[in-house]
Amino acid sequence: RTTGAGAAVLDAADRFERSLAAADRLKPLL
């Protein structure tokens, strides 16, 4: 199971993937 640090890294990776998806989606706006 994830440690506290592992959970934090997982959250950061989730945000990164969502940021990439958002950057692609919001390209006309950006």
PDB file of all heavy atoms in Angstrom:
ATOM      1  N   ARG A   1       0.857  -1.186   0.000  1.00  0.00           N
ATOM      2  CA  ARG A   1       0.000   0.000   0.000  1.00  0.00           C
ATOM      3  C   ARG A   1       0.893   1.236   0.000  1.00  0.00           C
ATOM      4  O   ARG A   1       2.082   1.161   0.347  1.00  0.00           O
ATOM      5  CB  ARG A   1      -0.912   0.020   1.222  1.00  0.00           C
ATOM      6  CG  ARG A   1      -0.170   0.200   2.557  1.00  0.00           C
ATOM      7  CD  ARG A   1      -1.130   0.143   3.714  1.00  0.00           C
ATOM      8  NE  ARG A   1      -0.430   0.322   4.990  1.00  0.00           N
ATOM      9  CZ  ARG A   1      -0.982   0.118   6.179  1.00  0.00           C
ATOM     10  NH1 ARG A   1      -2.253  -0.297   6.239  1.00  0.00           N
ATOM     11  NH2 ARG A   1      -0.291   0.320   7.291  1.00  0.00           N
ATOM     12  N   THR A   2       0.332   2.365  -0.385  1.00  0.00           N
ATOM     13  CA  THR A   2       1.119   3.597  -0.444  1.00  0.00           C
ATOM     14  C   THR A   2       1.410   4.105   0.962  1.00  0.00           C
ATOM     15  O   THR A   2       0.598   3.983   1.877  1.00  0.00           O
ATOM     16  CB  THR A   2       0.368   4.701  -1.202  1.00  0.00           C
ATOM     17  OG1 THR A   2      -0.924   4.893  -0.604  1.00  0.00           O
ATOM     18  CG2 THR A   2       0.208   4.361  -2.669  1.00  0.00           C
ATOM     19  N   THR A   3       2.586   4.678   1.115  1.00  0.00           N
ATOM     20  CA  THR A   3       2.914   5.423   2.323  1.00  0.00           C
ATOM     21  C   THR A   3       2.324   6.833   2.191  1.00  0.00           C
ATOM     22  O   THR A   3       1.726   7.176   1.166  1.00  0.00           O
ATOM     23  CB  THR A   3       4.433   5.523   2.492  1.00  0.00           C
ATOM     24  OG1 THR A   3       4.973   6.238   1.357  1.00  0.00           O
ATOM     25  CG2 THR A   3       5.069   4.145   2.560  1.00  0.00           C
ATOM     26  N   GLY A   4       2.532   7.654   3.207  1.00  0.00           N
ATOM     27  CA  GLY A   4       2.089   9.039   3.094  1.00  0.00           C
ATOM     28  C   GLY A   4       2.764   9.750   1.940  1.00  0.00           C
ATOM     29  O   GLY A   4       2.122  10.475   1.168  1.00  0.00           O
ATOM     30  N   ALA A   5       4.077   9.510   1.787  1.00  0.00           N
ATOM     31  CA  ALA A   5       4.801  10.124   0.672  1.00  0.00           C
ATOM     32  C   ALA A   5       4.311   9.566  -0.658  1.00  0.00           C
ATOM     33  O   ALA A   5       4.195  10.302  -1.647  1.00  0.00           O
ATOM     34  CB  ALA A   5       6.306   9.873   0.826  1.00  0.00           C
ATOM     35  N   GLY A   6       4.005   8.279  -0.687  1.00  0.00           N
ATOM     36  CA  GLY A   6       3.512   7.675  -1.922  1.00  0.00           C
ATOM     37  C   GLY A   6       2.180   8.254  -2.338  1.00  0.00           C
ATOM     38  O   GLY A   6       1.930   8.490  -3.529  1.00  0.00           O
ATOM     39  N   ALA A   7       1.299   8.493  -1.358  1.00  0.00           N
ATOM     40  CA  ALA A   7       0.004   9.089  -1.666  1.00  0.00           C
ATOM     41  C   ALA A   7       0.177  10.503  -2.214  1.00  0.00           C
ATOM     42  O   ALA A   7      -0.518  10.919  -3.143  1.00  0.00           O
ATOM     43  CB  ALA A   7      -0.877   9.104  -0.422  1.00  0.00           C
ATOM     44  N   ALA A   8       1.147  11.243  -1.632  1.00  0.00           N
ATOM     45  CA  ALA A   8       1.401  12.607  -2.110  1.00  0.00           C
ATOM     46  C   ALA A   8       1.935  12.600  -3.539  1.00  0.00           C
ATOM     47  O   ALA A   8       1.532  13.419  -4.372  1.00  0.00           O
ATOM     48  CB  ALA A   8       2.391  13.309  -1.182  1.00  0.00           C
ATOM     49  N   VAL A   9       2.853  11.667  -3.833  1.00  0.00           N
ATOM     50  CA  VAL A   9       3.389  11.558  -5.190  1.00  0.00           C
ATOM     51  C   VAL A   9       2.291  11.157  -6.167  1.00  0.00           C
ATOM     52  O   VAL A   9       2.210  11.669  -7.288  1.00  0.00           O
ATOM     53  CB  VAL A   9       4.552  10.545  -5.225  1.00  0.00           C
ATOM     54  CG1 VAL A   9       4.899  10.166  -6.654  1.00  0.00           C
ATOM     55  CG2 VAL A   9       5.780  11.124  -4.523  1.00  0.00           C
ATOM     56  N   LEU A  10       1.410  10.255  -5.738  1.00  0.00           N
ATOM     57  CA  LEU A  10       0.305   9.829  -6.598  1.00  0.00           C
ATOM     58  C   LEU A  10      -0.626  10.999  -6.909  1.00  0.00           C
ATOM     59  O   LEU A  10      -1.047  11.178  -8.057  1.00  0.00           O
ATOM     60  CB  LEU A  10      -0.463   8.705  -5.920  1.00  0.00           C
ATOM     61  CG  LEU A  10      -1.673   8.137  -6.674  1.00  0.00           C
ATOM     62  CD1 LEU A  10      -1.270   7.634  -8.047  1.00  0.00           C
ATOM     63  CD2 LEU A  10      -2.323   7.026  -5.860  1.00  0.00           C
ATOM     64  N   ASP A  11      -0.920  11.804  -5.902  1.00  0.00           N
ATOM     65  CA  ASP A  11      -1.767  12.981  -6.127  1.00  0.00           C
ATOM     66  C   ASP A  11      -1.110  13.946  -7.106  1.00  0.00           C
ATOM     67  O   ASP A  11      -1.769  14.523  -7.973  1.00  0.00           O
ATOM     68  CB  ASP A  11      -2.053  13.688  -4.806  1.00  0.00           C
ATOM     69  CG  ASP A  11      -3.021  12.912  -3.927  1.00  0.00           C
ATOM     70  OD1 ASP A  11      -3.719  12.033  -4.459  1.00  0.00           O
ATOM     71  OD2 ASP A  11      -3.066  13.185  -2.705  1.00  0.00           O
ATOM     72  N   ALA A  12       0.214  14.128  -6.957  1.00  0.00           N
ATOM     73  CA  ALA A  12       0.938  15.022  -7.867  1.00  0.00           C
ATOM     74  C   ALA A  12       0.907  14.489  -9.295  1.00  0.00           C
ATOM     75  O   ALA A  12       0.739  15.257 -10.253  1.00  0.00           O
ATOM     76  CB  ALA A  12       2.381  15.194  -7.394  1.00  0.00           C
ATOM     77  N   ALA A  13       1.052  13.179  -9.440  1.00  0.00           N
ATOM     78  CA  ALA A  13       0.999  12.578 -10.775  1.00  0.00           C
ATOM     79  C   ALA A  13      -0.398  12.714 -11.378  1.00  0.00           C
ATOM     80  O   ALA A  13      -0.547  12.975 -12.579  1.00  0.00           O
ATOM     81  CB  ALA A  13       1.404  11.106 -10.697  1.00  0.00           C
ATOM     82  N   ASP A  14      -1.423  12.559 -10.525  1.00  0.00           N
ATOM     83  CA  ASP A  14      -2.802  12.740 -11.008  1.00  0.00           C
ATOM     84  C   ASP A  14      -2.999  14.167 -11.520  1.00  0.00           C
ATOM     85  O   ASP A  14      -3.599  14.386 -12.581  1.00  0.00           O
ATOM     86  CB  ASP A  14      -3.800  12.458  -9.893  1.00  0.00           C
ATOM     87  CG  ASP A  14      -3.915  10.977  -9.576  1.00  0.00           C
ATOM     88  OD1 ASP A  14      -3.501  10.155 -10.420  1.00  0.00           O
ATOM     89  OD2 ASP A  14      -4.414  10.638  -8.487  1.00  0.00           O
ATOM     90  N   ARG A  15      -2.496  15.149 -10.753  1.00  0.00           N
ATOM     91  CA  ARG A  15      -2.633  16.550 -11.162  1.00  0.00           C
ATOM     92  C   ARG A  15      -1.893  16.809 -12.459  1.00  0.00           C
ATOM     93  O   ARG A  15      -2.372  17.556 -13.330  1.00  0.00           O
ATOM     94  CB  ARG A  15      -2.116  17.482 -10.069  1.00  0.00           C
ATOM     95  CG  ARG A  15      -3.020  17.592  -8.852  1.00  0.00           C
ATOM     96  CD  ARG A  15      -2.639  18.782  -7.996  1.00  0.00           C
ATOM     97  NE  ARG A  15      -1.280  18.686  -7.494  1.00  0.00           N
ATOM     98  CZ  ARG A  15      -0.936  18.058  -6.385  1.00  0.00           C
ATOM     99  NH1 ARG A  15      -1.863  17.449  -5.653  1.00  0.00           N
ATOM    100  NH2 ARG A  15       0.312  18.029  -5.982  1.00  0.00           N
ATOM    101  N   PHE A  16      -0.725  16.205 -12.598  1.00  0.00           N
ATOM    102  CA  PHE A  16       0.065  16.391 -13.815  1.00  0.00           C
ATOM    103  C   PHE A  16      -0.692  15.865 -15.031  1.00  0.00           C
ATOM    104  O   PHE A  16      -0.784  16.547 -16.059  1.00  0.00           O
ATOM    105  CB  PHE A  16       1.410  15.681 -13.673  1.00  0.00           C
ATOM    106  CG  PHE A  16       2.278  15.771 -14.897  1.00  0.00           C
ATOM    107  CD1 PHE A  16       2.880  16.974 -15.240  1.00  0.00           C
ATOM    108  CD2 PHE A  16       2.480  14.670 -15.708  1.00  0.00           C
ATOM    109  CE1 PHE A  16       3.674  17.070 -16.376  1.00  0.00           C
ATOM    110  CE2 PHE A  16       3.278  14.751 -16.839  1.00  0.00           C
ATOM    111  CZ  PHE A  16       3.875  15.962 -17.170  1.00  0.00           C
ATOM    112  N   GLU A  17      -1.252  14.678 -14.910  1.00  0.00           N
ATOM    113  CA  GLU A  17      -1.987  14.102 -16.035  1.00  0.00           C
ATOM    114  C   GLU A  17      -3.219  14.937 -16.365  1.00  0.00           C
ATOM    115  O   GLU A  17      -3.548  15.143 -17.536  1.00  0.00           O
ATOM    116  CB  GLU A  17      -2.377  12.658 -15.719  1.00  0.00           C
ATOM    117  CG  GLU A  17      -1.198  11.698 -15.694  1.00  0.00           C
ATOM    118  CD  GLU A  17      -1.636  10.250 -15.697  1.00  0.00           C
ATOM    119  OE1 GLU A  17      -2.809   9.978 -15.337  1.00  0.00           O
ATOM    120  OE2 GLU A  17      -0.822   9.380 -16.065  1.00  0.00           O
ATOM    121  N   ARG A  18      -3.910  15.428 -15.331  1.00  0.00           N
ATOM    122  CA  ARG A  18      -5.076  16.265 -15.565  1.00  0.00           C
ATOM    123  C   ARG A  18      -4.664  17.607 -16.168  1.00  0.00           C
ATOM    124  O   ARG A  18      -5.397  18.168 -16.985  1.00  0.00           O
ATOM    125  CB  ARG A  18      -5.858  16.477 -14.259  1.00  0.00           C
ATOM    126  CG  ARG A  18      -6.580  15.219 -13.797  1.00  0.00           C
ATOM    127  CD  ARG A  18      -7.368  15.466 -12.516  1.00  0.00           C
ATOM    128  NE  ARG A  18      -8.419  16.453 -12.695  1.00  0.00           N
ATOM    129  CZ  ARG A  18      -9.604  16.192 -13.207  1.00  0.00           C
ATOM    130  NH1 ARG A  18      -9.896  14.962 -13.634  1.00  0.00           N
ATOM    131  NH2 ARG A  18     -10.523  17.136 -13.315  1.00  0.00           N
ATOM    132  N   SER A  19      -3.512  18.121 -15.767  1.00  0.00           N
ATOM    133  CA  SER A  19      -3.020  19.380 -16.341  1.00  0.00           C
ATOM    134  C   SER A  19      -2.718  19.216 -17.818  1.00  0.00           C
ATOM    135  O   SER A  19      -3.017  20.108 -18.627  1.00  0.00           O
ATOM    136  CB  SER A  19      -1.776  19.857 -15.597  1.00  0.00           C
ATOM    137  OG  SER A  19      -2.078  20.220 -14.265  1.00  0.00           O
ATOM    138  N   LEU A  20      -2.121  18.084 -18.188  1.00  0.00           N
ATOM    139  CA  LEU A  20      -1.850  17.831 -19.605  1.00  0.00           C
ATOM    140  C   LEU A  20      -3.155  17.746 -20.395  1.00  0.00           C
ATOM    141  O   LEU A  20      -3.269  18.301 -21.494  1.00  0.00           O
ATOM    142  CB  LEU A  20      -1.060  16.530 -19.762  1.00  0.00           C
ATOM    143  CG  LEU A  20       0.398  16.536 -19.287  1.00  0.00           C
ATOM    144  CD1 LEU A  20       1.025  15.168 -19.529  1.00  0.00           C
ATOM    145  CD2 LEU A  20       1.199  17.615 -19.996  1.00  0.00           C
ATOM    146  N   ALA A  21      -4.138  17.052 -19.821  1.00  0.00           N
ATOM    147  CA  ALA A  21      -5.431  16.938 -20.499  1.00  0.00           C
ATOM    148  C   ALA A  21      -6.086  18.306 -20.635  1.00  0.00           C
ATOM    149  O   ALA A  21      -6.654  18.634 -21.678  1.00  0.00           O
ATOM    150  CB  ALA A  21      -6.341  15.988 -19.723  1.00  0.00           C
ATOM    151  N   ALA A  22      -5.985  19.127 -19.576  1.00  0.00           N
ATOM    152  CA  ALA A  22      -6.590  20.457 -19.613  1.00  0.00           C
ATOM    153  C   ALA A  22      -5.878  21.359 -20.605  1.00  0.00           C
ATOM    154  O   ALA A  22      -6.514  22.147 -21.313  1.00  0.00           O
ATOM    155  CB  ALA A  22      -6.556  21.075 -18.219  1.00  0.00           C
ATOM    156  N   ALA A  23      -4.552  21.272 -20.663  1.00  0.00           N
ATOM    157  CA  ALA A  23      -3.800  22.106 -21.610  1.00  0.00           C
ATOM    158  C   ALA A  23      -4.206  21.798 -23.037  1.00  0.00           C
ATOM    159  O   ALA A  23      -4.319  22.704 -23.878  1.00  0.00           O
ATOM    160  CB  ALA A  23      -2.299  21.878 -21.425  1.00  0.00           C
ATOM    161  N   ASP A  24      -4.451  20.527 -23.319  1.00  0.00           N
ATOM    162  CA  ASP A  24      -4.889  20.148 -24.656  1.00  0.00           C
ATOM    163  C   ASP A  24      -6.317  20.631 -24.918  1.00  0.00           C
ATOM    164  O   ASP A  24      -6.622  21.173 -25.981  1.00  0.00           O
ATOM    165  CB  ASP A  24      -4.805  18.630 -24.807  1.00  0.00           C
ATOM    166  CG  ASP A  24      -5.112  18.178 -26.222  1.00  0.00           C
ATOM    167  OD1 ASP A  24      -4.435  18.639 -27.157  1.00  0.00           O
ATOM    168  OD2 ASP A  24      -6.034  17.347 -26.399  1.00  0.00           O
ATOM    169  N   ARG A  25      -7.185  20.463 -23.922  1.00  0.00           N
ATOM    170  CA  ARG A  25      -8.588  20.849 -24.076  1.00  0.00           C
ATOM    171  C   ARG A  25      -8.736  22.365 -24.203  1.00  0.00           C
ATOM    172  O   ARG A  25      -9.537  22.869 -24.994  1.00  0.00           O
ATOM    173  CB  ARG A  25      -9.395  20.331 -22.882  1.00  0.00           C
ATOM    174  CG  ARG A  25     -10.872  20.668 -22.941  1.00  0.00           C
ATOM    175  CD  ARG A  25     -11.580  20.158 -21.698  1.00  0.00           C
ATOM    176  NE  ARG A  25     -11.644  18.712 -21.677  1.00  0.00           N
ATOM    177  CZ  ARG A  25     -12.653  18.006 -22.166  1.00  0.00           C
ATOM    178  NH1 ARG A  25     -13.674  18.625 -22.736  1.00  0.00           N
ATOM    179  NH2 ARG A  25     -12.662  16.694 -22.102  1.00  0.00           N
ATOM    180  N   LEU A  26      -7.953  23.119 -23.407  1.00  0.00           N
ATOM    181  CA  LEU A  26      -8.099  24.572 -23.353  1.00  0.00           C
ATOM    182  C   LEU A  26      -7.208  25.300 -24.354  1.00  0.00           C
ATOM    183  O   LEU A  26      -7.081  26.524 -24.292  1.00  0.00           O
ATOM    184  CB  LEU A  26      -7.772  25.092 -21.953  1.00  0.00           C
ATOM    185  CG  LEU A  26      -8.932  25.185 -20.962  1.00  0.00           C
ATOM    186  CD1 LEU A  26      -9.506  23.803 -20.658  1.00  0.00           C
ATOM    187  CD2 LEU A  26      -8.498  25.852 -19.667  1.00  0.00           C
ATOM    188  N   LYS A  27      -6.614  24.584 -25.272  1.00  0.00           N
ATOM    189  CA  LYS A  27      -5.677  25.197 -26.211  1.00  0.00           C
ATOM    190  C   LYS A  27      -6.243  26.441 -26.894  1.00  0.00           C
ATOM    191  O   LYS A  27      -5.560  27.466 -26.978  1.00  0.00           O
ATOM    192  CB  LYS A  27      -5.220  24.166 -27.248  1.00  0.00           C
ATOM    193  CG  LYS A  27      -4.024  24.626 -28.081  1.00  0.00           C
ATOM    194  CD  LYS A  27      -3.581  23.510 -29.016  1.00  0.00           C
ATOM    195  CE  LYS A  27      -3.105  22.306 -28.232  1.00  0.00           C
ATOM    196  NZ  LYS A  27      -2.628  21.218 -29.122  1.00  0.00           N
ATOM    197  N   PRO A  28      -7.483  26.433 -27.404  1.00  0.00           N
ATOM    198  CA  PRO A  28      -8.004  27.650 -28.043  1.00  0.00           C
ATOM    199  C   PRO A  28      -8.082  28.836 -27.088  1.00  0.00           C
ATOM    200  O   PRO A  28      -7.875  29.980 -27.491  1.00  0.00           O
ATOM    201  CB  PRO A  28      -9.403  27.225 -28.512  1.00  0.00           C
ATOM    202  CG  PRO A  28      -9.345  25.734 -28.594  1.00  0.00           C
ATOM    203  CD  PRO A  28      -8.433  25.310 -27.495  1.00  0.00           C
ATOM    204  N   LEU A  29      -8.379  28.548 -25.822  1.00  0.00           N
ATOM    205  CA  LEU A  29      -8.473  29.623 -24.830  1.00  0.00           C
ATOM    206  C   LEU A  29      -7.098  30.118 -24.419  1.00  0.00           C
ATOM    207  O   LEU A  29      -6.878  31.327 -24.259  1.00  0.00           O
ATOM    208  CB  LEU A  29      -9.240  29.138 -23.604  1.00  0.00           C
ATOM    209  CG  LEU A  29      -9.339  30.131 -22.448  1.00  0.00           C
ATOM    210  CD1 LEU A  29     -10.320  31.247 -22.798  1.00  0.00           C
ATOM    211  CD2 LEU A  29      -9.770  29.432 -21.166  1.00  0.00           C
ATOM    212  N   LEU A  30      -6.146  29.200 -24.250  1.00  0.00           N
ATOM    213  CA  LEU A  30      -4.815  29.559 -23.761  1.00  0.00           C
ATOM    214  C   LEU A  30      -4.040  30.424 -24.747  1.00  0.00           C
ATOM    215  O   LEU A  30      -3.042  31.039 -24.368  1.00  0.00           O
ATOM    216  CB  LEU A  30      -4.019  28.297 -23.428  1.00  0.00           C
ATOM    217  CG  LEU A  30      -4.562  27.472 -22.254  1.00  0.00           C
ATOM    218  CD1 LEU A  30      -3.779  26.175 -22.100  1.00  0.00           C
ATOM    219  CD2 LEU A  30      -4.518  28.274 -20.969  1.00  0.00           C
TER     220      LEU A  30
END
